[in-house]
Amino acid sequence: RTPHRPSPVGLTLCRIVSIDRKKGEILLSGIDLLDGTPVIDIKPYVPYSDAPNTKVGTPDWITEPLAFSTVHWRADAMGNLRKLAKRFRTFPNINSA
């Protein structure tokens, strides 16, 4: 995890506990999410890249202060972003941008 996340999409390793085909629900455990967070995609476990006991370090740039830049959006791109934000309920403050 990093405090410098440009995207609200996360990645976590979890276990499928059960699948209810009638309800269209999948019960997951060990998932690193807050209540109400949507699950966008589920991928199969790949041992060589998804090993849960792998020791991971924190890169030096995580602790360095961020330099912020102004981003200028074209009007059509901002319009598309607002449409997507409504559809996926992300970026709640997008209309003030």
PDB file of N, CA and C in Angstrom:
ATOM      1  N   ARG A   1       0.844  -1.191   0.000  1.00  0.00           N
ATOM      2  CA  ARG A   1       0.000   0.000   0.000  1.00  0.00           C
ATOM      3  C   ARG A   1       0.881   1.244   0.000  1.00  0.00           C
ATOM      4  N   THR A   2       0.360   2.254  -0.591  1.00  0.00           N
ATOM      5  CA  THR A   2       1.065   3.524  -0.615  1.00  0.00           C
ATOM      6  C   THR A   2       0.058   4.655  -0.447  1.00  0.00           C
ATOM      7  N   PRO A   3       0.423   5.714   0.226  1.00  0.00           N
ATOM      8  CA  PRO A   3      -0.487   6.859   0.329  1.00  0.00           C
ATOM      9  C   PRO A   3      -0.585   7.633  -0.982  1.00  0.00           C
ATOM     10  N   HIS A   4       0.295   7.346  -1.936  1.00  0.00           N
ATOM     11  CA  HIS A   4       0.351   8.074  -3.202  1.00  0.00           C
ATOM     12  C   HIS A   4      -0.343   7.268  -4.298  1.00  0.00           C
ATOM     13  N   ARG A   5      -1.644   7.023  -4.145  1.00  0.00           N
ATOM     14  CA  ARG A   5      -2.369   6.211  -5.112  1.00  0.00           C
ATOM     15  C   ARG A   5      -3.173   7.100  -6.046  1.00  0.00           C
ATOM     16  N   PRO A   6      -2.796   7.157  -7.314  1.00  0.00           N
ATOM     17  CA  PRO A   6      -3.530   7.987  -8.261  1.00  0.00           C
ATOM     18  C   PRO A   6      -4.878   7.386  -8.659  1.00  0.00           C
ATOM     19  N   SER A   7      -5.104   6.136  -8.321  1.00  0.00           N
ATOM     20  CA  SER A   7      -6.333   5.448  -8.704  1.00  0.00           C
ATOM     21  C   SER A   7      -6.976   4.810  -7.473  1.00  0.00           C
ATOM     22  N   PRO A   8      -8.312   4.844  -7.383  1.00  0.00           N
ATOM     23  CA  PRO A   8      -8.973   4.215  -6.242  1.00  0.00           C
ATOM     24  C   PRO A   8      -9.060   2.695  -6.385  1.00  0.00           C
ATOM     25  N   VAL A   9      -8.551   2.145  -7.475  1.00  0.00           N
ATOM     26  CA  VAL A   9      -8.597   0.704  -7.691  1.00  0.00           C
ATOM     27  C   VAL A   9      -7.442   0.054  -6.942  1.00  0.00           C
ATOM     28  N   GLY A  10      -7.777  -0.951  -6.134  1.00  0.00           N
ATOM     29  CA  GLY A  10      -6.757  -1.671  -5.376  1.00  0.00           C
ATOM     30  C   GLY A  10      -6.595  -3.080  -5.903  1.00  0.00           C
ATOM     31  N   LEU A  11      -5.640  -3.788  -5.356  1.00  0.00           N
ATOM     32  CA  LEU A  11      -5.369  -5.169  -5.736  1.00  0.00           C
ATOM     33  C   LEU A  11      -5.133  -5.947  -4.454  1.00  0.00           C
ATOM     34  N   THR A  12      -5.822  -7.054  -4.277  1.00  0.00           N
ATOM     35  CA  THR A  12      -5.664  -7.839  -3.060  1.00  0.00           C
ATOM     36  C   THR A  12      -5.839  -9.318  -3.356  1.00  0.00           C
ATOM     37  N   LEU A  13      -5.190 -10.130  -2.567  1.00  0.00           N
ATOM     38  CA  LEU A  13      -5.300 -11.577  -2.669  1.00  0.00           C
ATOM     39  C   LEU A  13      -6.421 -12.019  -1.737  1.00  0.00           C
ATOM     40  N   CYS A  14      -7.327 -12.874  -2.213  1.00  0.00           N
ATOM     41  CA  CYS A  14      -8.445 -13.322  -1.384  1.00  0.00           C
ATOM     42  C   CYS A  14      -8.774 -14.775  -1.694  1.00  0.00           C
ATOM     43  N   ARG A  15      -9.688 -15.320  -0.908  1.00  0.00           N
ATOM     44  CA  ARG A  15     -10.136 -16.694  -1.095  1.00  0.00           C
ATOM     45  C   ARG A  15     -11.628 -16.686  -1.429  1.00  0.00           C
ATOM     46  N   ILE A  16     -12.021 -17.492  -2.406  1.00  0.00           N
ATOM     47  CA  ILE A  16     -13.444 -17.657  -2.718  1.00  0.00           C
ATOM     48  C   ILE A  16     -13.992 -18.701  -1.755  1.00  0.00           C
ATOM     49  N   VAL A  17     -14.943 -18.281  -0.905  1.00  0.00           N
ATOM     50  CA  VAL A  17     -15.546 -19.168   0.089  1.00  0.00           C
ATOM     51  C   VAL A  17     -16.708 -19.939  -0.529  1.00  0.00           C
ATOM     52  N   SER A  18     -17.567 -19.228  -1.257  1.00  0.00           N
ATOM     53  CA  SER A  18     -18.703 -19.890  -1.895  1.00  0.00           C
ATOM     54  C   SER A  18     -19.211 -19.052  -3.057  1.00  0.00           C
ATOM     55  N   ILE A  19     -19.955 -19.719  -3.933  1.00  0.00           N
ATOM     56  CA  ILE A  19     -20.577 -19.063  -5.075  1.00  0.00           C
ATOM     57  C   ILE A  19     -22.050 -19.432  -5.067  1.00  0.00           C
ATOM     58  N   ASP A  20     -22.925 -18.425  -5.052  1.00  0.00           N
ATOM     59  CA  ASP A  20     -24.375 -18.638  -5.103  1.00  0.00           C
ATOM     60  C   ASP A  20     -24.841 -18.195  -6.482  1.00  0.00           C
ATOM     61  N   ARG A  21     -24.997 -19.145  -7.375  1.00  0.00           N
ATOM     62  CA  ARG A  21     -25.357 -18.830  -8.765  1.00  0.00           C
ATOM     63  C   ARG A  21     -26.756 -18.227  -8.862  1.00  0.00           C
ATOM     64  N   LYS A  22     -27.667 -18.652  -8.004  1.00  0.00           N
ATOM     65  CA  LYS A  22     -29.042 -18.126  -8.053  1.00  0.00           C
ATOM     66  C   LYS A  22     -29.076 -16.647  -7.709  1.00  0.00           C
ATOM     67  N   LYS A  23     -28.319 -16.249  -6.682  1.00  0.00           N
ATOM     68  CA  LYS A  23     -28.281 -14.847  -6.264  1.00  0.00           C
ATOM     69  C   LYS A  23     -27.262 -14.032  -7.058  1.00  0.00           C
ATOM     70  N   GLY A  24     -26.366 -14.716  -7.754  1.00  0.00           N
ATOM     71  CA  GLY A  24     -25.298 -14.014  -8.467  1.00  0.00           C
ATOM     72  C   GLY A  24     -24.284 -13.416  -7.514  1.00  0.00           C
ATOM     73  N   GLU A  25     -24.009 -14.146  -6.406  1.00  0.00           N
ATOM     74  CA  GLU A  25     -23.097 -13.648  -5.376  1.00  0.00           C
ATOM     75  C   GLU A  25     -21.896 -14.573  -5.193  1.00  0.00           C
ATOM     76  N   ILE A  26     -20.770 -13.961  -4.920  1.00  0.00           N
ATOM     77  CA  ILE A  26     -19.549 -14.684  -4.581  1.00  0.00           C
ATOM     78  C   ILE A  26     -19.121 -14.203  -3.206  1.00  0.00           C
ATOM     79  N   LEU A  27     -18.943 -15.133  -2.265  1.00  0.00           N
ATOM     80  CA  LEU A  27     -18.499 -14.788  -0.915  1.00  0.00           C
ATOM     81  C   LEU A  27     -16.984 -14.925  -0.858  1.00  0.00           C
ATOM     82  N   LEU A  28     -16.313 -13.836  -0.466  1.00  0.00           N
ATOM     83  CA  LEU A  28     -14.854 -13.801  -0.394  1.00  0.00           C
ATOM     84  C   LEU A  28     -14.406 -13.663   1.049  1.00  0.00           C
ATOM     85  N   SER A  29     -13.217 -14.192   1.357  1.00  0.00           N
ATOM     86  CA  SER A  29     -12.641 -13.987   2.693  1.00  0.00           C
ATOM     87  C   SER A  29     -11.196 -13.528   2.542  1.00  0.00           C
ATOM     88  N   GLY A  30     -10.699 -12.913   3.612  1.00  0.00           N
ATOM     89  CA  GLY A  30      -9.318 -12.438   3.614  1.00  0.00           C
ATOM     90  C   GLY A  30      -9.091 -11.277   2.674  1.00  0.00           C
ATOM     91  N   ILE A  31     -10.152 -10.596   2.316  1.00  0.00           N
ATOM     92  CA  ILE A  31     -10.042  -9.517   1.331  1.00  0.00           C
ATOM     93  C   ILE A  31      -9.730  -8.198   2.044  1.00  0.00           C
ATOM     94  N   ASP A  32      -8.896  -7.398   1.441  1.00  0.00           N
ATOM     95  CA  ASP A  32      -8.424  -6.147   2.033  1.00  0.00           C
ATOM     96  C   ASP A  32      -9.233  -4.981   1.460  1.00  0.00           C
ATOM     97  N   LEU A  33     -10.509  -4.873   1.885  1.00  0.00           N
ATOM     98  CA  LEU A  33     -11.390  -3.823   1.384  1.00  0.00           C
ATOM     99  C   LEU A  33     -12.208  -3.224   2.516  1.00  0.00           C
ATOM    100  N   LEU A  34     -12.744  -2.046   2.291  1.00  0.00           N
ATOM    101  CA  LEU A  34     -13.705  -1.440   3.205  1.00  0.00           C
ATOM    102  C   LEU A  34     -15.101  -1.858   2.784  1.00  0.00           C
ATOM    103  N   ASP A  35     -16.054  -1.857   3.708  1.00  0.00           N
ATOM    104  CA  ASP A  35     -17.438  -2.188   3.382  1.00  0.00           C
ATOM    105  C   ASP A  35     -17.943  -1.304   2.255  1.00  0.00           C
ATOM    106  N   GLY A  36     -18.638  -1.913   1.308  1.00  0.00           N
ATOM    107  CA  GLY A  36     -19.207  -1.166   0.196  1.00  0.00           C
ATOM    108  C   GLY A  36     -18.273  -0.998  -0.991  1.00  0.00           C
ATOM    109  N   THR A  37     -17.029  -1.444  -0.881  1.00  0.00           N
ATOM    110  CA  THR A  37     -16.088  -1.330  -1.987  1.00  0.00           C
ATOM    111  C   THR A  37     -16.449  -2.353  -3.056  1.00  0.00           C
ATOM    112  N   PRO A  38     -16.631  -1.921  -4.306  1.00  0.00           N
ATOM    113  CA  PRO A  38     -16.977  -2.898  -5.346  1.00  0.00           C
ATOM    114  C   PRO A  38     -15.779  -3.764  -5.724  1.00  0.00           C
ATOM    115  N   VAL A  39     -16.049  -5.014  -6.073  1.00  0.00           N
ATOM    116  CA  VAL A  39     -15.027  -5.907  -6.618  1.00  0.00           C
ATOM    117  C   VAL A  39     -15.189  -5.851  -8.132  1.00  0.00           C
ATOM    118  N   ILE A  40     -14.178  -5.382  -8.812  1.00  0.00           N
ATOM    119  CA  ILE A  40     -14.267  -5.163 -10.250  1.00  0.00           C
ATOM    120  C   ILE A  40     -13.953  -6.432 -11.029  1.00  0.00           C
ATOM    121  N   ASP A  41     -12.997  -7.204 -10.540  1.00  0.00           N
ATOM    122  CA  ASP A  41     -12.539  -8.375 -11.295  1.00  0.00           C
ATOM    123  C   ASP A  41     -11.958  -9.397 -10.338  1.00  0.00           C
ATOM    124  N   ILE A  42     -12.079 -10.658 -10.686  1.00  0.00           N
ATOM    125  CA  ILE A  42     -11.474 -11.744  -9.906  1.00  0.00           C
ATOM    126  C   ILE A  42     -10.615 -12.553 -10.869  1.00  0.00           C
ATOM    127  N   LYS A  43      -9.366 -12.721 -10.511  1.00  0.00           N
ATOM    128  CA  LYS A  43      -8.415 -13.459 -11.348  1.00  0.00           C
ATOM    129  C   LYS A  43      -7.995 -14.739 -10.622  1.00  0.00           C
ATOM    130  N   PRO A  44      -7.545 -15.740 -11.356  1.00  0.00           N
ATOM    131  CA  PRO A  44      -7.065 -16.967 -10.701  1.00  0.00           C
ATOM    132  C   PRO A  44      -5.746 -16.723  -9.958  1.00  0.00           C
ATOM    133  N   TYR A  45      -5.502 -17.543  -8.952  1.00  0.00           N
ATOM    134  CA  TYR A  45      -4.268 -17.468  -8.168  1.00  0.00           C
ATOM    135  C   TYR A  45      -3.112 -18.008  -9.010  1.00  0.00           C
ATOM    136  N   VAL A  46      -2.036 -17.241  -9.099  1.00  0.00           N
ATOM    137  CA  VAL A  46      -0.837 -17.656  -9.828  1.00  0.00           C
ATOM    138  C   VAL A  46       0.308 -17.666  -8.816  1.00  0.00           C
ATOM    139  N   PRO A  47       0.752 -18.850  -8.380  1.00  0.00           N
ATOM    140  CA  PRO A  47       1.725 -18.944  -7.281  1.00  0.00           C
ATOM    141  C   PRO A  47       3.007 -18.124  -7.457  1.00  0.00           C
ATOM    142  N   TYR A  48       3.568 -18.066  -8.662  1.00  0.00           N
ATOM    143  CA  TYR A  48       4.847 -17.367  -8.815  1.00  0.00           C
ATOM    144  C   TYR A  48       4.727 -15.853  -8.653  1.00  0.00           C
ATOM    145  N   SER A  49       3.510 -15.299  -8.831  1.00  0.00           N
ATOM    146  CA  SER A  49       3.382 -13.849  -8.689  1.00  0.00           C
ATOM    147  C   SER A  49       2.434 -13.415  -7.577  1.00  0.00           C
ATOM    148  N   ASP A  50       1.667 -14.331  -7.012  1.00  0.00           N
ATOM    149  CA  ASP A  50       0.674 -13.979  -6.001  1.00  0.00           C
ATOM    150  C   ASP A  50       0.982 -14.545  -4.623  1.00  0.00           C
ATOM    151  N   ALA A  51       2.195 -15.011  -4.409  1.00  0.00           N
ATOM    152  CA  ALA A  51       2.550 -15.653  -3.145  1.00  0.00           C
ATOM    153  C   ALA A  51       2.297 -14.720  -1.961  1.00  0.00           C
ATOM    154  N   PRO A  52       1.405 -15.111  -1.017  1.00  0.00           N
ATOM    155  CA  PRO A  52       1.056 -14.225   0.100  1.00  0.00           C
ATOM    156  C   PRO A  52       2.151 -14.047   1.142  1.00  0.00           C
ATOM    157  N   ASN A  53       3.121 -14.924   1.198  1.00  0.00           N
ATOM    158  CA  ASN A  53       4.166 -14.831   2.228  1.00  0.00           C
ATOM    159  C   ASN A  53       5.448 -14.187   1.724  1.00  0.00           C
ATOM    160  N   THR A  54       5.408 -13.598   0.550  1.00  0.00           N
ATOM    161  CA  THR A  54       6.580 -12.937  -0.001  1.00  0.00           C
ATOM    162  C   THR A  54       6.861 -11.664   0.778  1.00  0.00           C
ATOM    163  N   LYS A  55       8.114 -11.466   1.165  1.00  0.00           N
ATOM    164  CA  LYS A  55       8.481 -10.244   1.874  1.00  0.00           C
ATOM    165  C   LYS A  55       8.637  -9.120   0.861  1.00  0.00           C
ATOM    166  N   VAL A  56       7.959  -8.030   1.133  1.00  0.00           N
ATOM    167  CA  VAL A  56       7.983  -6.889   0.235  1.00  0.00           C
ATOM    168  C   VAL A  56       8.504  -5.686   0.996  1.00  0.00           C
ATOM    169  N   GLY A  57       9.398  -4.957   0.385  1.00  0.00           N
ATOM    170  CA  GLY A  57       9.926  -3.757   1.018  1.00  0.00           C
ATOM    171  C   GLY A  57       9.200  -2.515   0.536  1.00  0.00           C
ATOM    172  N   THR A  58       9.478  -1.416   1.167  1.00  0.00           N
ATOM    173  CA  THR A  58       8.902  -0.138   0.774  1.00  0.00           C
ATOM    174  C   THR A  58       9.965   0.660   0.032  1.00  0.00           C
ATOM    175  N   PRO A  59       9.680   1.067  -1.209  1.00  0.00           N
ATOM    176  CA  PRO A  59      10.678   1.846  -1.939  1.00  0.00           C
ATOM    177  C   PRO A  59      10.910   3.212  -1.285  1.00  0.00           C
ATOM    178  N   ASP A  60      12.094   3.753  -1.476  1.00  0.00           N
ATOM    179  CA  ASP A  60      12.459   5.037  -0.868  1.00  0.00           C
ATOM    180  C   ASP A  60      11.530   6.173  -1.281  1.00  0.00           C
ATOM    181  N   TRP A  61      11.033   6.142  -2.531  1.00  0.00           N
ATOM    182  CA  TRP A  61      10.213   7.263  -3.002  1.00  0.00           C
ATOM    183  C   TRP A  61       8.886   7.359  -2.259  1.00  0.00           C
ATOM    184  N   ILE A  62       8.474   6.319  -1.547  1.00  0.00           N
ATOM    185  CA  ILE A  62       7.218   6.362  -0.790  1.00  0.00           C
ATOM    186  C   ILE A  62       7.322   7.375   0.354  1.00  0.00           C
ATOM    187  N   THR A  63       8.490   7.461   0.969  1.00  0.00           N
ATOM    188  CA  THR A  63       8.657   8.345   2.121  1.00  0.00           C
ATOM    189  C   THR A  63       9.073   9.765   1.719  1.00  0.00           C
ATOM    190  N   GLU A  64       9.403   9.968   0.447  1.00  0.00           N
ATOM    191  CA  GLU A  64       9.788  11.301  -0.017  1.00  0.00           C
ATOM    192  C   GLU A  64       8.539  12.142  -0.276  1.00  0.00           C
ATOM    193  N   PRO A  65       8.605  13.457  -0.039  1.00  0.00           N
ATOM    194  CA  PRO A  65       7.446  14.317  -0.306  1.00  0.00           C
ATOM    195  C   PRO A  65       7.099  14.318  -1.792  1.00  0.00           C
ATOM    196  N   LEU A  66       5.825  14.393  -2.080  1.00  0.00           N
ATOM    197  CA  LEU A  66       5.376  14.443  -3.470  1.00  0.00           C
ATOM    198  C   LEU A  66       5.439  15.863  -4.015  1.00  0.00           C
ATOM    199  N   ALA A  67       5.784  15.971  -5.277  1.00  0.00           N
ATOM    200  CA  ALA A  67       5.731  17.251  -5.967  1.00  0.00           C
ATOM    201  C   ALA A  67       4.441  17.236  -6.789  1.00  0.00           C
ATOM    202  N   PHE A  68       3.539  18.161  -6.525  1.00  0.00           N
ATOM    203  CA  PHE A  68       2.265  18.188  -7.228  1.00  0.00           C
ATOM    204  C   PHE A  68       2.354  19.091  -8.447  1.00  0.00           C
ATOM    205  N   SER A  69       1.657  18.699  -9.495  1.00  0.00           N
ATOM    206  CA  SER A  69       1.585  19.481 -10.721  1.00  0.00           C
ATOM    207  C   SER A  69       0.127  19.747 -11.042  1.00  0.00           C
ATOM    208  N   THR A  70      -0.119  20.810 -11.746  1.00  0.00           N
ATOM    209  CA  THR A  70      -1.467  21.115 -12.197  1.00  0.00           C
ATOM    210  C   THR A  70      -1.738  20.310 -13.458  1.00  0.00           C
ATOM    211  N   VAL A  71      -2.904  19.687 -13.510  1.00  0.00           N
ATOM    212  CA  VAL A  71      -3.306  18.920 -14.686  1.00  0.00           C
ATOM    213  C   VAL A  71      -4.448  19.674 -15.358  1.00  0.00           C
ATOM    214  N   HIS A  72      -4.316  19.919 -16.633  1.00  0.00           N
ATOM    215  CA  HIS A  72      -5.349  20.607 -17.404  1.00  0.00           C
ATOM    216  C   HIS A  72      -6.037  19.588 -18.301  1.00  0.00           C
ATOM    217  N   TRP A  73      -7.352  19.434 -18.117  1.00  0.00           N
ATOM    218  CA  TRP A  73      -8.141  18.481 -18.889  1.00  0.00           C
ATOM    219  C   TRP A  73      -8.842  19.208 -20.031  1.00  0.00           C
ATOM    220  N   ARG A  74      -8.890  18.566 -21.192  1.00  0.00           N
ATOM    221  CA  ARG A  74      -9.726  19.080 -22.271  1.00  0.00           C
ATOM    222  C   ARG A  74     -11.175  18.925 -21.844  1.00  0.00           C
ATOM    223  N   ALA A  75     -12.047  19.772 -22.333  1.00  0.00           N
ATOM    224  CA  ALA A  75     -13.457  19.754 -21.935  1.00  0.00           C
ATOM    225  C   ALA A  75     -14.112  18.405 -22.227  1.00  0.00           C
ATOM    226  N   ASP A  76     -13.825  17.802 -23.393  1.00  0.00           N
ATOM    227  CA  ASP A  76     -14.450  16.519 -23.729  1.00  0.00           C
ATOM    228  C   ASP A  76     -13.928  15.399 -22.829  1.00  0.00           C
ATOM    229  N   ALA A  77     -12.652  15.455 -22.470  1.00  0.00           N
ATOM    230  CA  ALA A  77     -12.091  14.440 -21.574  1.00  0.00           C
ATOM    231  C   ALA A  77     -12.698  14.566 -20.174  1.00  0.00           C
ATOM    232  N   MET A  78     -12.873  15.787 -19.686  1.00  0.00           N
ATOM    233  CA  MET A  78     -13.490  15.991 -18.373  1.00  0.00           C
ATOM    234  C   MET A  78     -14.940  15.512 -18.388  1.00  0.00           C
ATOM    235  N   GLY A  79     -15.655  15.752 -19.475  1.00  0.00           N
ATOM    236  CA  GLY A  79     -17.027  15.271 -19.608  1.00  0.00           C
ATOM    237  C   GLY A  79     -17.091  13.756 -19.546  1.00  0.00           C
ATOM    238  N   ASN A  80     -16.172  13.092 -20.240  1.00  0.00           N
ATOM    239  CA  ASN A  80     -16.122  11.628 -20.202  1.00  0.00           C
ATOM    240  C   ASN A  80     -15.785  11.126 -18.806  1.00  0.00           C
ATOM    241  N   LEU A  81     -14.877  11.791 -18.127  1.00  0.00           N
ATOM    242  CA  LEU A  81     -14.507  11.389 -16.763  1.00  0.00           C
ATOM    243  C   LEU A  81     -15.702  11.531 -15.823  1.00  0.00           C
ATOM    244  N   ARG A  82     -16.461  12.612 -15.960  1.00  0.00           N
ATOM    245  CA  ARG A  82     -17.652  12.803 -15.110  1.00  0.00           C
ATOM    246  C   ARG A  82     -18.682  11.695 -15.348  1.00  0.00           C
ATOM    247  N   LYS A  83     -18.873  11.306 -16.614  1.00  0.00           N
ATOM    248  CA  LYS A  83     -19.812  10.220 -16.926  1.00  0.00           C
ATOM    249  C   LYS A  83     -19.352   8.912 -16.276  1.00  0.00           C
ATOM    250  N   LEU A  84     -18.064   8.614 -16.386  1.00  0.00           N
ATOM    251  CA  LEU A  84     -17.536   7.389 -15.781  1.00  0.00           C
ATOM    252  C   LEU A  84     -17.633   7.433 -14.264  1.00  0.00           C
ATOM    253  N   ALA A  85     -17.365   8.590 -13.680  1.00  0.00           N
ATOM    254  CA  ALA A  85     -17.421   8.728 -12.219  1.00  0.00           C
ATOM    255  C   ALA A  85     -18.831   8.451 -11.713  1.00  0.00           C
ATOM    256  N   LYS A  86     -19.847   8.926 -12.426  1.00  0.00           N
ATOM    257  CA  LYS A  86     -21.236   8.654 -12.030  1.00  0.00           C
ATOM    258  C   LYS A  86     -21.544   7.172 -12.161  1.00  0.00           C
ATOM    259  N   ARG A  87     -21.075   6.577 -13.234  1.00  0.00           N
ATOM    260  CA  ARG A  87     -21.361   5.162 -13.498  1.00  0.00           C
ATOM    261  C   ARG A  87     -20.743   4.245 -12.444  1.00  0.00           C
ATOM    262  N   PHE A  88     -19.531   4.538 -12.041  1.00  0.00           N
ATOM    263  CA  PHE A  88     -18.817   3.682 -11.112  1.00  0.00           C
ATOM    264  C   PHE A  88     -18.800   4.215  -9.679  1.00  0.00           C
ATOM    265  N   ARG A  89     -19.441   5.352  -9.433  1.00  0.00           N
ATOM    266  CA  ARG A  89     -19.520   5.972  -8.109  1.00  0.00           C
ATOM    267  C   ARG A  89     -18.134   6.180  -7.489  1.00  0.00           C
ATOM    268  N   THR A  90     -17.192   6.559  -8.309  1.00  0.00           N
ATOM    269  CA  THR A  90     -15.848   6.883  -7.830  1.00  0.00           C
ATOM    270  C   THR A  90     -15.655   8.378  -7.911  1.00  0.00           C
ATOM    271  N   PHE A  91     -14.610   8.868  -7.322  1.00  0.00           N
ATOM    272  CA  PHE A  91     -14.282  10.284  -7.359  1.00  0.00           C
ATOM    273  C   PHE A  91     -15.508  11.139  -6.995  1.00  0.00           C
ATOM    274  N   PRO A  92     -15.997  11.074  -5.753  1.00  0.00           N
ATOM    275  CA  PRO A  92     -17.213  11.791  -5.389  1.00  0.00           C
ATOM    276  C   PRO A  92     -17.135  13.299  -5.594  1.00  0.00           C
ATOM    277  N   ASN A  93     -15.967  13.890  -5.650  1.00  0.00           N
ATOM    278  CA  ASN A  93     -15.836  15.344  -5.796  1.00  0.00           C
ATOM    279  C   ASN A  93     -15.538  15.778  -7.220  1.00  0.00           C
ATOM    280  N   ILE A  94     -15.783  14.892  -8.192  1.00  0.00           N
ATOM    281  CA  ILE A  94     -15.409  15.183  -9.581  1.00  0.00           C
ATOM    282  C   ILE A  94     -16.146  16.392 -10.145  1.00  0.00           C
ATOM    283  N   ASN A  95     -17.364  16.663  -9.712  1.00  0.00           N
ATOM    284  CA  ASN A  95     -18.111  17.785 -10.259  1.00  0.00           C
ATOM    285  C   ASN A  95     -17.576  19.131  -9.823  1.00  0.00           C
ATOM    286  N   SER A  96     -16.759  19.141  -8.783  1.00  0.00           N
ATOM    287  CA  SER A  96     -16.162  20.410  -8.343  1.00  0.00           C
ATOM    288  C   SER A  96     -14.854  20.684  -9.063  1.00  0.00           C
ATOM    289  N   ALA A  97     -14.402  19.732  -9.881  1.00  0.00           N
ATOM    290  CA  ALA A  97     -13.125  19.892 -10.603  1.00  0.00           C
ATOM    291  C   ALA A  97     -13.320  20.674 -11.878  1.00  0.00           C
TER     292      ALA A  97
END
